[in-house]
Amino acid sequence: MNENSASRAEIPDNPDDTALLDAYSRAVTAVVDHIGPAVVRLDVAGPNGRAGSGSGVILSPDGLVVTNHHVVAASQRMRVTTADGRQLNARVVGTDPDTDLALARVDENVVLPAAALGDSRKLRRGQLVIAIGNPLGFESTVTAGVVSALGRSLRASNGRLVDDLIQTDAALNPGNSGGPLVASHGEVVGINTAIIQGAQGICFAIAANTVKHVLGELVRHGRVRRAWIGIAAAQTALPARLRHLAGVAQESAVMVASVEPGSPAATAGITPGDVVLAIEGAPVTGADELVRNLTGERIDRTIAIELLRDGSRRTVSLVPHERPRRAAA
């Protein structure tokens, strides 16, 4: 018996290993069998005539499909190819560039297989997740991995910071954008959105709880409403001496660069040079936090904004309006 055969002989057969592999395989195949029929291919024709494609997932039997904003881009119409090969037409209900989400509805009167959105707050690092896509017409392309991290942030195409992303090592291939990230119990816990090229397969998905909020807004209003107070601001460091004199704990805030005439901020007396410390008691340490605190729930409701002006703290009250498209905070 040579050295190699002796080494092999020393490795005992472990029936538990086979059982574990079978359990893993059963979990993945069960998810694919359950969710795969709800995953569709989307073919989108852009305004310049160039076509693009991506994936989507059906969330209601009457044909509500969620995908990425960057898949839909500026298009209002698309062709939907189901897992069983049906060709359907769909129109865009609404998009939200700030979260890279879009919602479409199928035109035809059909009943389609649908997936359920789960509670992404229950996810744990290390949990098994499966990414399913329909890239380039290859139905139900599947990759599996684990949740690498939770609560990540990533810049959207419009420069806004997308919060509460799920980081996973389940590989996302070109064309998989907009497809579901599914937990082993069969619920969609995220919508796949981005790949960091050259970063060993680091991939991201928009958390299902964010998807629920955005889709609710798109269905009700055709857009996601966010509050607007009418300022342009940038992060600024707060020197230690200033923090001590003003009794401020945070090391940074946002300085107002400009104020829109007639805006809620102007009406409240906010001026360029003021430093915004907090909104409704929540510290504002950067421009992204300022935007994050101006949610749709604050529209037309009085809120308190804490400022630092000439070294002194003061609080002003104002009523935010709905944010115009492409406006600053």
C-alpha atoms as a PDB file:
ATOM      1  CA  MET A   1       0.000   0.000   0.000  1.00  0.00           C
ATOM      2  CA  ASN A   2       1.571   3.340  -1.066  1.00  0.00           C
ATOM      3  CA  GLU A   3       1.580   6.583   0.940  1.00  0.00           C
ATOM      4  CA  ASN A   4      -1.417   8.067  -0.811  1.00  0.00           C
ATOM      5  CA  SER A   5      -3.584   5.009  -0.304  1.00  0.00           C
ATOM      6  CA  ALA A   6      -2.523   4.850   3.332  1.00  0.00           C
ATOM      7  CA  SER A   7      -3.579   8.479   3.822  1.00  0.00           C
ATOM      8  CA  ARG A   8      -6.935   7.763   2.261  1.00  0.00           C
ATOM      9  CA  ALA A   9      -7.412   4.727   4.453  1.00  0.00           C
ATOM     10  CA  GLU A  10      -6.873   6.829   7.565  1.00  0.00           C
ATOM     11  CA  ILE A  11      -9.857   9.083   6.752  1.00  0.00           C
ATOM     12  CA  PRO A  12     -12.946   7.357   8.180  1.00  0.00           C
ATOM     13  CA  ASP A  13     -16.241   7.405   6.376  1.00  0.00           C
ATOM     14  CA  ASN A  14     -18.637   9.641   8.280  1.00  0.00           C
ATOM     15  CA  PRO A  15     -22.295   9.077   7.445  1.00  0.00           C
ATOM     16  CA  ASP A  16     -23.139  12.368   9.209  1.00  0.00           C
ATOM     17  CA  ASP A  17     -21.273  14.271   6.469  1.00  0.00           C
ATOM     18  CA  THR A  18     -23.598  12.800   3.860  1.00  0.00           C
ATOM     19  CA  ALA A  19     -26.610  13.695   5.979  1.00  0.00           C
ATOM     20  CA  LEU A  20     -25.432  17.282   6.318  1.00  0.00           C
ATOM     21  CA  LEU A  21     -24.885  17.643   2.596  1.00  0.00           C
ATOM     22  CA  ASP A  22     -28.304  16.183   1.913  1.00  0.00           C
ATOM     23  CA  ALA A  23     -29.911  18.629   4.364  1.00  0.00           C
ATOM     24  CA  TYR A  24     -28.149  21.580   2.707  1.00  0.00           C
ATOM     25  CA  SER A  25     -29.140  20.388  -0.745  1.00  0.00           C
ATOM     26  CA  ARG A  26     -32.723  19.811   0.335  1.00  0.00           C
ATOM     27  CA  ALA A  27     -32.936  23.329   1.765  1.00  0.00           C
ATOM     28  CA  VAL A  28     -31.662  24.935  -1.453  1.00  0.00           C
ATOM     29  CA  THR A  29     -33.718  22.818  -3.844  1.00  0.00           C
ATOM     30  CA  ALA A  30     -36.878  23.355  -1.775  1.00  0.00           C
ATOM     31  CA  VAL A  31     -36.416  27.129  -1.975  1.00  0.00           C
ATOM     32  CA  VAL A  32     -35.806  27.008  -5.732  1.00  0.00           C
ATOM     33  CA  ASP A  33     -38.877  24.829  -6.296  1.00  0.00           C
ATOM     34  CA  HIS A  34     -40.983  27.200  -4.184  1.00  0.00           C
ATOM     35  CA  ILE A  35     -39.702  30.621  -5.325  1.00  0.00           C
ATOM     36  CA  GLY A  36     -38.265  29.876  -8.767  1.00  0.00           C
ATOM     37  CA  PRO A  37     -41.630  30.043 -10.620  1.00  0.00           C
ATOM     38  CA  ALA A  38     -42.109  33.627  -9.325  1.00  0.00           C
ATOM     39  CA  VAL A  39     -38.769  34.845 -10.723  1.00  0.00           C
ATOM     40  CA  VAL A  40     -39.012  36.512 -14.134  1.00  0.00           C
ATOM     41  CA  ARG A  41     -36.801  37.988 -16.800  1.00  0.00           C
ATOM     42  CA  LEU A  42     -37.379  41.634 -17.708  1.00  0.00           C
ATOM     43  CA  ASP A  43     -36.497  43.051 -21.107  1.00  0.00           C
ATOM     44  CA  VAL A  44     -36.516  46.833 -21.134  1.00  0.00           C
ATOM     45  CA  ALA A  45     -36.154  49.188 -24.102  1.00  0.00           C
ATOM     46  CA  GLY A  46     -34.500  52.454 -23.121  1.00  0.00           C
ATOM     47  CA  PRO A  47     -35.376  55.914 -24.500  1.00  0.00           C
ATOM     48  CA  ASN A  48     -32.400  55.752 -26.876  1.00  0.00           C
ATOM     49  CA  GLY A  49     -33.580  52.431 -28.274  1.00  0.00           C
ATOM     50  CA  ARG A  50     -30.909  50.337 -26.565  1.00  0.00           C
ATOM     51  CA  ALA A  51     -32.344  47.302 -24.807  1.00  0.00           C
ATOM     52  CA  GLY A  52     -31.409  46.045 -21.364  1.00  0.00           C
ATOM     53  CA  SER A  53     -32.484  43.144 -19.212  1.00  0.00           C
ATOM     54  CA  GLY A  54     -32.586  42.073 -15.615  1.00  0.00           C
ATOM     55  CA  SER A  55     -34.538  39.961 -13.173  1.00  0.00           C
ATOM     56  CA  GLY A  56     -37.620  40.537 -11.088  1.00  0.00           C
ATOM     57  CA  VAL A  57     -39.850  38.681  -8.666  1.00  0.00           C
ATOM     58  CA  ILE A  58     -43.652  38.508  -8.683  1.00  0.00           C
ATOM     59  CA  LEU A  59     -45.123  39.553  -5.325  1.00  0.00           C
ATOM     60  CA  SER A  60     -48.854  39.198  -6.061  1.00  0.00           C
ATOM     61  CA  PRO A  61     -50.798  36.741  -8.250  1.00  0.00           C
ATOM     62  CA  ASP A  62     -52.269  39.581 -10.317  1.00  0.00           C
ATOM     63  CA  GLY A  63     -48.802  40.531 -11.550  1.00  0.00           C
ATOM     64  CA  LEU A  64     -47.032  43.050  -9.301  1.00  0.00           C
ATOM     65  CA  VAL A  65     -43.320  42.670 -10.037  1.00  0.00           C
ATOM     66  CA  VAL A  66     -40.491  44.232  -8.031  1.00  0.00           C
ATOM     67  CA  THR A  67     -37.064  44.852  -9.535  1.00  0.00           C
ATOM     68  CA  ASN A  68     -34.256  47.419  -9.396  1.00  0.00           C
ATOM     69  CA  HIS A  69     -34.587  51.039 -10.484  1.00  0.00           C
ATOM     70  CA  HIS A  70     -31.364  50.689 -12.473  1.00  0.00           C
ATOM     71  CA  VAL A  71     -32.910  47.798 -14.428  1.00  0.00           C
ATOM     72  CA  VAL A  72     -35.943  49.874 -15.397  1.00  0.00           C
ATOM     73  CA  ALA A  73     -34.065  53.188 -15.761  1.00  0.00           C
ATOM     74  CA  ALA A  74     -36.265  55.720 -17.591  1.00  0.00           C
ATOM     75  CA  SER A  75     -38.476  53.152 -19.325  1.00  0.00           C
ATOM     76  CA  GLN A  76     -42.201  52.880 -18.726  1.00  0.00           C
ATOM     77  CA  ARG A  77     -42.816  49.585 -20.551  1.00  0.00           C
ATOM     78  CA  MET A  78     -41.150  46.174 -20.489  1.00  0.00           C
ATOM     79  CA  ARG A  79     -41.545  42.578 -21.581  1.00  0.00           C
ATOM     80  CA  VAL A  80     -41.848  39.968 -18.815  1.00  0.00           C
ATOM     81  CA  THR A  81     -40.822  36.362 -19.434  1.00  0.00           C
ATOM     82  CA  THR A  82     -42.049  33.941 -16.790  1.00  0.00           C
ATOM     83  CA  ALA A  83     -40.282  30.793 -15.651  1.00  0.00           C
ATOM     84  CA  ASP A  84     -42.669  28.664 -17.724  1.00  0.00           C
ATOM     85  CA  GLY A  85     -41.925  30.700 -20.867  1.00  0.00           C
ATOM     86  CA  ARG A  86     -44.953  32.989 -21.059  1.00  0.00           C
ATOM     87  CA  GLN A  87     -44.372  36.399 -22.659  1.00  0.00           C
ATOM     88  CA  LEU A  88     -46.264  39.215 -20.933  1.00  0.00           C
ATOM     89  CA  ASN A  89     -46.288  42.998 -21.114  1.00  0.00           C
ATOM     90  CA  ALA A  90     -45.903  45.263 -18.100  1.00  0.00           C
ATOM     91  CA  ARG A  91     -45.889  48.945 -17.223  1.00  0.00           C
ATOM     92  CA  VAL A  92     -43.894  50.697 -14.529  1.00  0.00           C
ATOM     93  CA  VAL A  93     -46.002  51.718 -11.521  1.00  0.00           C
ATOM     94  CA  GLY A  94     -43.220  53.740  -9.924  1.00  0.00           C
ATOM     95  CA  THR A  95     -39.528  53.818  -9.118  1.00  0.00           C
ATOM     96  CA  ASP A  96     -37.413  54.978  -6.205  1.00  0.00           C
ATOM     97  CA  PRO A  97     -33.816  55.807  -7.181  1.00  0.00           C
ATOM     98  CA  ASP A  98     -32.947  56.440  -3.518  1.00  0.00           C
ATOM     99  CA  THR A  99     -33.360  52.734  -2.732  1.00  0.00           C
ATOM    100  CA  ASP A 100     -32.808  51.344  -6.268  1.00  0.00           C
ATOM    101  CA  LEU A 101     -36.276  49.784  -6.312  1.00  0.00           C
ATOM    102  CA  ALA A 102     -38.973  49.755  -8.981  1.00  0.00           C
ATOM    103  CA  LEU A 103     -42.473  48.293  -9.193  1.00  0.00           C
ATOM    104  CA  ALA A 104     -44.203  47.119 -12.372  1.00  0.00           C
ATOM    105  CA  ARG A 105     -47.607  45.598 -13.089  1.00  0.00           C
ATOM    106  CA  VAL A 106     -48.421  43.016 -15.758  1.00  0.00           C
ATOM    107  CA  ASP A 107     -51.039  44.179 -18.280  1.00  0.00           C
ATOM    108  CA  GLU A 108     -52.632  40.811 -19.008  1.00  0.00           C
ATOM    109  CA  ASN A 109     -55.416  39.349 -16.861  1.00  0.00           C
ATOM    110  CA  VAL A 110     -53.504  36.333 -15.552  1.00  0.00           C
ATOM    111  CA  VAL A 111     -52.899  34.501 -12.292  1.00  0.00           C
ATOM    112  CA  LEU A 112     -49.197  34.114 -11.612  1.00  0.00           C
ATOM    113  CA  PRO A 113     -47.094  32.320  -8.982  1.00  0.00           C
ATOM    114  CA  ALA A 114     -46.051  34.825  -6.310  1.00  0.00           C
ATOM    115  CA  ALA A 115     -43.406  34.988  -3.595  1.00  0.00           C
ATOM    116  CA  ALA A 116     -43.868  36.315  -0.058  1.00  0.00           C
ATOM    117  CA  LEU A 117     -41.757  39.028   1.563  1.00  0.00           C
ATOM    118  CA  GLY A 118     -40.311  38.019   4.926  1.00  0.00           C
ATOM    119  CA  ASP A 119     -39.087  40.002   7.933  1.00  0.00           C
ATOM    120  CA  SER A 120     -35.470  40.981   7.258  1.00  0.00           C
ATOM    121  CA  ARG A 121     -35.028  42.039  10.897  1.00  0.00           C
ATOM    122  CA  LYS A 122     -34.906  38.352  11.829  1.00  0.00           C
ATOM    123  CA  LEU A 123     -31.837  37.663   9.669  1.00  0.00           C
ATOM    124  CA  ARG A 124     -28.605  36.638  11.374  1.00  0.00           C
ATOM    125  CA  ARG A 125     -25.028  36.696  10.142  1.00  0.00           C
ATOM    126  CA  GLY A 126     -24.045  33.290   8.857  1.00  0.00           C
ATOM    127  CA  GLN A 127     -27.617  32.393   7.868  1.00  0.00           C
ATOM    128  CA  LEU A 128     -28.071  30.471   4.616  1.00  0.00           C
ATOM    129  CA  VAL A 129     -29.493  32.552   1.750  1.00  0.00           C
ATOM    130  CA  ILE A 130     -30.179  31.723  -1.882  1.00  0.00           C
ATOM    131  CA  ALA A 131     -30.054  34.211  -4.765  1.00  0.00           C
ATOM    132  CA  ILE A 132     -32.301  33.403  -7.724  1.00  0.00           C
ATOM    133  CA  GLY A 133     -32.224  35.252 -11.014  1.00  0.00           C
ATOM    134  CA  ASN A 134     -33.341  34.978 -14.615  1.00  0.00           C
ATOM    135  CA  PRO A 135     -30.286  36.446 -16.361  1.00  0.00           C
ATOM    136  CA  LEU A 136     -30.205  36.571 -20.124  1.00  0.00           C
ATOM    137  CA  GLY A 137     -33.070  34.083 -20.319  1.00  0.00           C
ATOM    138  CA  PHE A 138     -31.403  31.371 -18.223  1.00  0.00           C
ATOM    139  CA  GLU A 139     -34.394  30.481 -16.055  1.00  0.00           C
ATOM    140  CA  SER A 140     -33.927  30.183 -12.296  1.00  0.00           C
ATOM    141  CA  THR A 141     -30.161  30.593 -12.109  1.00  0.00           C
ATOM    142  CA  VAL A 142     -29.312  29.806  -8.490  1.00  0.00           C
ATOM    143  CA  THR A 143     -26.398  30.630  -6.196  1.00  0.00           C
ATOM    144  CA  ALA A 144     -26.200  30.037  -2.459  1.00  0.00           C
ATOM    145  CA  GLY A 145     -24.176  31.556   0.349  1.00  0.00           C
ATOM    146  CA  VAL A 146     -24.531  33.134   3.756  1.00  0.00           C
ATOM    147  CA  VAL A 147     -25.439  36.509   5.175  1.00  0.00           C
ATOM    148  CA  SER A 148     -22.036  38.164   5.607  1.00  0.00           C
ATOM    149  CA  ALA A 149     -23.226  41.365   7.285  1.00  0.00           C
ATOM    150  CA  LEU A 150     -26.361  43.361   8.008  1.00  0.00           C
ATOM    151  CA  GLY A 151     -27.118  47.084   7.985  1.00  0.00           C
ATOM    152  CA  ARG A 152     -24.591  47.985   5.282  1.00  0.00           C
ATOM    153  CA  SER A 153     -24.827  51.245   3.289  1.00  0.00           C
ATOM    154  CA  LEU A 154     -24.062  51.816  -0.387  1.00  0.00           C
ATOM    155  CA  ARG A 155     -24.354  54.780  -2.744  1.00  0.00           C
ATOM    156  CA  ALA A 156     -27.222  54.611  -5.223  1.00  0.00           C
ATOM    157  CA  SER A 157     -26.814  55.777  -8.815  1.00  0.00           C
ATOM    158  CA  ASN A 158     -28.156  59.220  -7.844  1.00  0.00           C
ATOM    159  CA  GLY A 159     -25.579  59.639  -5.064  1.00  0.00           C
ATOM    160  CA  ARG A 160     -28.000  59.017  -2.194  1.00  0.00           C
ATOM    161  CA  LEU A 161     -26.965  56.562   0.492  1.00  0.00           C
ATOM    162  CA  VAL A 162     -29.026  53.344   0.518  1.00  0.00           C
ATOM    163  CA  ASP A 163     -29.263  52.051   4.081  1.00  0.00           C
ATOM    164  CA  ASP A 164     -29.980  48.689   5.678  1.00  0.00           C
ATOM    165  CA  LEU A 165     -28.460  46.551   2.924  1.00  0.00           C
ATOM    166  CA  ILE A 166     -27.770  42.851   3.338  1.00  0.00           C
ATOM    167  CA  GLN A 167     -24.239  41.795   2.408  1.00  0.00           C
ATOM    168  CA  THR A 168     -23.914  38.234   1.138  1.00  0.00           C
ATOM    169  CA  ASP A 169     -21.397  36.015  -0.625  1.00  0.00           C
ATOM    170  CA  ALA A 170     -24.104  34.399  -2.774  1.00  0.00           C
ATOM    171  CA  ALA A 171     -22.739  35.242  -6.217  1.00  0.00           C
ATOM    172  CA  LEU A 172     -24.765  37.616  -8.400  1.00  0.00           C
ATOM    173  CA  ASN A 173     -24.183  37.203 -12.095  1.00  0.00           C
ATOM    174  CA  PRO A 174     -24.852  39.885 -14.730  1.00  0.00           C
ATOM    175  CA  GLY A 175     -28.614  40.023 -15.257  1.00  0.00           C
ATOM    176  CA  ASN A 176     -29.415  38.849 -11.710  1.00  0.00           C
ATOM    177  CA  SER A 177     -30.136  42.402 -10.508  1.00  0.00           C
ATOM    178  CA  GLY A 178     -33.706  42.671  -9.257  1.00  0.00           C
ATOM    179  CA  GLY A 179     -34.029  38.996  -8.387  1.00  0.00           C
ATOM    180  CA  PRO A 180     -34.863  37.743  -4.890  1.00  0.00           C
ATOM    181  CA  LEU A 181     -32.560  36.827  -2.035  1.00  0.00           C
ATOM    182  CA  VAL A 182     -34.380  34.049  -0.204  1.00  0.00           C
ATOM    183  CA  ALA A 183     -33.960  32.535   3.258  1.00  0.00           C
ATOM    184  CA  SER A 184     -34.031  28.768   3.695  1.00  0.00           C
ATOM    185  CA  HIS A 185     -37.636  28.878   4.993  1.00  0.00           C
ATOM    186  CA  GLY A 186     -38.761  30.175   1.583  1.00  0.00           C
ATOM    187  CA  GLU A 187     -39.462  33.868   2.179  1.00  0.00           C
ATOM    188  CA  VAL A 188     -37.862  36.686   0.196  1.00  0.00           C
ATOM    189  CA  VAL A 189     -35.600  38.604   2.583  1.00  0.00           C
ATOM    190  CA  GLY A 190     -34.031  40.971   0.034  1.00  0.00           C
ATOM    191  CA  ILE A 191     -33.875  42.177  -3.562  1.00  0.00           C
ATOM    192  CA  ASN A 192     -30.445  41.741  -5.136  1.00  0.00           C
ATOM    193  CA  THR A 193     -29.022  45.065  -6.191  1.00  0.00           C
ATOM    194  CA  ALA A 194     -25.254  45.325  -6.579  1.00  0.00           C
ATOM    195  CA  ILE A 195     -21.951  43.591  -7.104  1.00  0.00           C
ATOM    196  CA  ILE A 196     -18.637  45.109  -6.038  1.00  0.00           C
ATOM    197  CA  GLN A 197     -16.407  44.212  -8.950  1.00  0.00           C
ATOM    198  CA  GLY A 198     -13.017  42.753  -8.026  1.00  0.00           C
ATOM    199  CA  ALA A 199     -13.990  42.358  -4.377  1.00  0.00           C
ATOM    200  CA  GLN A 200     -14.165  38.566  -4.079  1.00  0.00           C
ATOM    201  CA  GLY A 201     -17.880  38.342  -4.769  1.00  0.00           C
ATOM    202  CA  ILE A 202     -19.183  40.839  -2.227  1.00  0.00           C
ATOM    203  CA  CYS A 203     -22.838  41.315  -3.108  1.00  0.00           C
ATOM    204  CA  PHE A 204     -25.706  43.350  -1.665  1.00  0.00           C
ATOM    205  CA  ALA A 205     -29.473  43.107  -1.427  1.00  0.00           C
ATOM    206  CA  ILE A 206     -32.102  45.631  -0.357  1.00  0.00           C
ATOM    207  CA  ALA A 207     -33.687  44.402   2.883  1.00  0.00           C
ATOM    208  CA  ALA A 208     -37.255  43.112   2.623  1.00  0.00           C
ATOM    209  CA  ASN A 209     -38.537  45.555   5.250  1.00  0.00           C
ATOM    210  CA  THR A 210     -37.278  48.458   3.128  1.00  0.00           C
ATOM    211  CA  VAL A 211     -38.938  46.863   0.097  1.00  0.00           C
ATOM    212  CA  LYS A 212     -42.288  46.661   1.949  1.00  0.00           C
ATOM    213  CA  HIS A 213     -42.200  50.360   2.828  1.00  0.00           C
ATOM    214  CA  VAL A 214     -41.177  51.500  -0.651  1.00  0.00           C
ATOM    215  CA  LEU A 215     -43.700  49.305  -2.449  1.00  0.00           C
ATOM    216  CA  GLY A 216     -46.479  50.528  -0.171  1.00  0.00           C
ATOM    217  CA  GLU A 217     -45.613  54.112  -1.082  1.00  0.00           C
ATOM    218  CA  LEU A 218     -45.403  53.297  -4.804  1.00  0.00           C
ATOM    219  CA  VAL A 219     -48.773  51.545  -4.797  1.00  0.00           C
ATOM    220  CA  ARG A 220     -50.497  54.355  -2.880  1.00  0.00           C
ATOM    221  CA  HIS A 221     -48.790  57.389  -4.389  1.00  0.00           C
ATOM    222  CA  GLY A 222     -46.791  56.234  -7.423  1.00  0.00           C
ATOM    223  CA  ARG A 223     -43.682  57.586  -5.706  1.00  0.00           C
ATOM    224  CA  VAL A 224     -41.921  57.497  -2.353  1.00  0.00           C
ATOM    225  CA  ARG A 225     -42.683  60.657  -0.427  1.00  0.00           C
ATOM    226  CA  ARG A 226     -39.879  62.229   1.593  1.00  0.00           C
ATOM    227  CA  ALA A 227     -39.879  65.382   3.657  1.00  0.00           C
ATOM    228  CA  TRP A 228     -38.154  68.598   2.510  1.00  0.00           C
ATOM    229  CA  ILE A 229     -37.153  71.638   4.540  1.00  0.00           C
ATOM    230  CA  GLY A 230     -35.320  73.561   1.807  1.00  0.00           C
ATOM    231  CA  ILE A 231     -31.636  73.615   2.727  1.00  0.00           C
ATOM    232  CA  ALA A 232     -28.382  72.535   1.124  1.00  0.00           C
ATOM    233  CA  ALA A 233     -25.944  71.327   3.763  1.00  0.00           C
ATOM    234  CA  ALA A 234     -22.634  69.522   4.145  1.00  0.00           C
ATOM    235  CA  GLN A 235     -20.942  67.687   6.981  1.00  0.00           C
ATOM    236  CA  THR A 236     -18.710  69.768   9.229  1.00  0.00           C
ATOM    237  CA  ALA A 237     -16.432  68.809  12.109  1.00  0.00           C
ATOM    238  CA  LEU A 238     -17.151  70.300  15.525  1.00  0.00           C
ATOM    239  CA  PRO A 239     -13.904  71.319  17.272  1.00  0.00           C
ATOM    240  CA  ALA A 240     -13.451  70.030  20.805  1.00  0.00           C
ATOM    241  CA  ARG A 241     -13.458  73.541  22.284  1.00  0.00           C
ATOM    242  CA  LEU A 242     -16.760  74.389  20.592  1.00  0.00           C
ATOM    243  CA  ARG A 243     -18.305  71.102  21.718  1.00  0.00           C
ATOM    244  CA  HIS A 244     -17.244  71.842  25.305  1.00  0.00           C
ATOM    245  CA  LEU A 245     -18.593  75.398  25.315  1.00  0.00           C
ATOM    246  CA  ALA A 246     -21.898  74.413  23.696  1.00  0.00           C
ATOM    247  CA  GLY A 247     -22.310  71.178  25.624  1.00  0.00           C
ATOM    248  CA  VAL A 248     -22.430  69.054  22.466  1.00  0.00           C
ATOM    249  CA  ALA A 249     -21.316  65.421  22.511  1.00  0.00           C
ATOM    250  CA  GLN A 250     -21.228  64.627  18.773  1.00  0.00           C
ATOM    251  CA  GLU A 251     -18.035  65.291  16.844  1.00  0.00           C
ATOM    252  CA  SER A 252     -19.695  66.339  13.586  1.00  0.00           C
ATOM    253  CA  ALA A 253     -22.917  67.888  12.296  1.00  0.00           C
ATOM    254  CA  VAL A 254     -24.103  69.563   9.088  1.00  0.00           C
ATOM    255  CA  MET A 255     -23.600  73.201   8.190  1.00  0.00           C
ATOM    256  CA  VAL A 256     -26.283  74.975   6.190  1.00  0.00           C
ATOM    257  CA  ALA A 257     -24.798  76.257   2.928  1.00  0.00           C
ATOM    258  CA  SER A 258     -27.960  77.754   1.426  1.00  0.00           C
ATOM    259  CA  VAL A 259     -31.665  78.113   2.141  1.00  0.00           C
ATOM    260  CA  GLU A 260     -34.422  78.068  -0.491  1.00  0.00           C
ATOM    261  CA  PRO A 261     -36.510  81.260  -0.408  1.00  0.00           C
ATOM    262  CA  GLY A 262     -39.996  80.582   0.907  1.00  0.00           C
ATOM    263  CA  SER A 263     -39.046  77.104   2.147  1.00  0.00           C
ATOM    264  CA  PRO A 264     -39.932  75.738   5.606  1.00  0.00           C
ATOM    265  CA  ALA A 265     -36.361  76.418   6.728  1.00  0.00           C
ATOM    266  CA  ALA A 266     -36.539  80.030   5.555  1.00  0.00           C
ATOM    267  CA  THR A 267     -39.873  80.522   7.296  1.00  0.00           C
ATOM    268  CA  ALA A 268     -38.378  79.128  10.517  1.00  0.00           C
ATOM    269  CA  GLY A 269     -35.450  81.573  10.334  1.00  0.00           C
ATOM    270  CA  ILE A 270     -32.691  79.096   9.490  1.00  0.00           C
ATOM    271  CA  THR A 271     -29.820  80.872   7.722  1.00  0.00           C
ATOM    272  CA  PRO A 272     -26.594  79.877   5.967  1.00  0.00           C
ATOM    273  CA  GLY A 273     -23.895  79.177   8.533  1.00  0.00           C
ATOM    274  CA  ASP A 274     -26.272  77.553  11.015  1.00  0.00           C
ATOM    275  CA  VAL A 275     -25.210  74.068  12.101  1.00  0.00           C
ATOM    276  CA  VAL A 276     -27.919  71.412  12.348  1.00  0.00           C
ATOM    277  CA  LEU A 277     -27.287  69.183  15.371  1.00  0.00           C
ATOM    278  CA  ALA A 278     -30.480  67.107  15.613  1.00  0.00           C
ATOM    279  CA  ILE A 279     -33.963  66.536  14.233  1.00  0.00           C
ATOM    280  CA  GLU A 280     -36.616  65.531  16.748  1.00  0.00           C
ATOM    281  CA  GLY A 281     -33.852  64.632  19.187  1.00  0.00           C
ATOM    282  CA  ALA A 282     -32.004  62.326  16.759  1.00  0.00           C
ATOM    283  CA  PRO A 283     -28.396  63.503  16.246  1.00  0.00           C
ATOM    284  CA  VAL A 284     -27.462  64.595  12.724  1.00  0.00           C
ATOM    285  CA  THR A 285     -23.757  63.942  12.167  1.00  0.00           C
ATOM    286  CA  GLY A 286     -23.708  64.135   8.354  1.00  0.00           C
ATOM    287  CA  ALA A 287     -25.730  64.993   5.260  1.00  0.00           C
ATOM    288  CA  ASP A 288     -26.868  61.395   4.851  1.00  0.00           C
ATOM    289  CA  GLU A 289     -28.333  61.378   8.354  1.00  0.00           C
ATOM    290  CA  LEU A 290     -30.110  64.646   7.591  1.00  0.00           C
ATOM    291  CA  VAL A 291     -31.797  63.056   4.566  1.00  0.00           C
ATOM    292  CA  ARG A 292     -32.487  59.832   6.479  1.00  0.00           C
ATOM    293  CA  ASN A 293     -34.375  61.750   9.176  1.00  0.00           C
ATOM    294  CA  LEU A 294     -36.628  63.539   6.691  1.00  0.00           C
ATOM    295  CA  THR A 295     -39.028  60.661   6.116  1.00  0.00           C
ATOM    296  CA  GLY A 296     -42.488  60.828   4.581  1.00  0.00           C
ATOM    297  CA  GLU A 297     -44.083  60.608   8.024  1.00  0.00           C
ATOM    298  CA  ARG A 298     -42.733  64.075   8.819  1.00  0.00           C
ATOM    299  CA  ILE A 299     -44.504  65.782   5.881  1.00  0.00           C
ATOM    300  CA  ASP A 300     -46.911  68.496   7.072  1.00  0.00           C
ATOM    301  CA  ARG A 301     -46.102  67.795  10.731  1.00  0.00           C
ATOM    302  CA  THR A 302     -44.302  70.182  13.064  1.00  0.00           C
ATOM    303  CA  ILE A 303     -40.789  69.004  13.923  1.00  0.00           C
ATOM    304  CA  ALA A 304     -38.076  70.405  16.185  1.00  0.00           C
ATOM    305  CA  ILE A 305     -34.618  71.097  14.747  1.00  0.00           C
ATOM    306  CA  GLU A 306     -31.737  71.794  17.086  1.00  0.00           C
ATOM    307  CA  LEU A 307     -29.186  74.293  15.759  1.00  0.00           C
ATOM    308  CA  LEU A 308     -25.831  75.705  16.726  1.00  0.00           C
ATOM    309  CA  ARG A 309     -25.557  79.407  15.904  1.00  0.00           C
ATOM    310  CA  ASP A 310     -22.694  81.674  17.007  1.00  0.00           C
ATOM    311  CA  GLY A 311     -21.632  79.060  19.540  1.00  0.00           C
ATOM    312  CA  SER A 312     -25.059  78.813  21.182  1.00  0.00           C
ATOM    313  CA  ARG A 313     -27.633  76.043  20.919  1.00  0.00           C
ATOM    314  CA  ARG A 314     -31.209  76.839  19.990  1.00  0.00           C
ATOM    315  CA  THR A 315     -34.274  74.968  18.772  1.00  0.00           C
ATOM    316  CA  VAL A 316     -36.587  75.985  15.949  1.00  0.00           C
ATOM    317  CA  SER A 317     -39.875  74.430  14.833  1.00  0.00           C
ATOM    318  CA  LEU A 318     -40.957  74.003  11.228  1.00  0.00           C
ATOM    319  CA  VAL A 319     -43.344  72.005   9.066  1.00  0.00           C
ATOM    320  CA  PRO A 320     -41.624  70.073   6.232  1.00  0.00           C
ATOM    321  CA  HIS A 321     -43.197  69.842   2.781  1.00  0.00           C
ATOM    322  CA  GLU A 322     -42.961  66.928   0.402  1.00  0.00           C
ATOM    323  CA  ARG A 323     -39.556  66.887  -1.263  1.00  0.00           C
ATOM    324  CA  PRO A 324     -39.623  68.007  -4.909  1.00  0.00           C
ATOM    325  CA  ARG A 325     -37.841  65.732  -7.339  1.00  0.00           C
ATOM    326  CA  ARG A 326     -34.082  66.306  -7.482  1.00  0.00           C
ATOM    327  CA  ALA A 327     -34.249  68.781  -4.592  1.00  0.00           C
ATOM    328  CA  ALA A 328     -31.773  69.036  -1.745  1.00  0.00           C
ATOM    329  CA  ALA A 329     -32.875  68.367   1.833  1.00  0.00           C
END
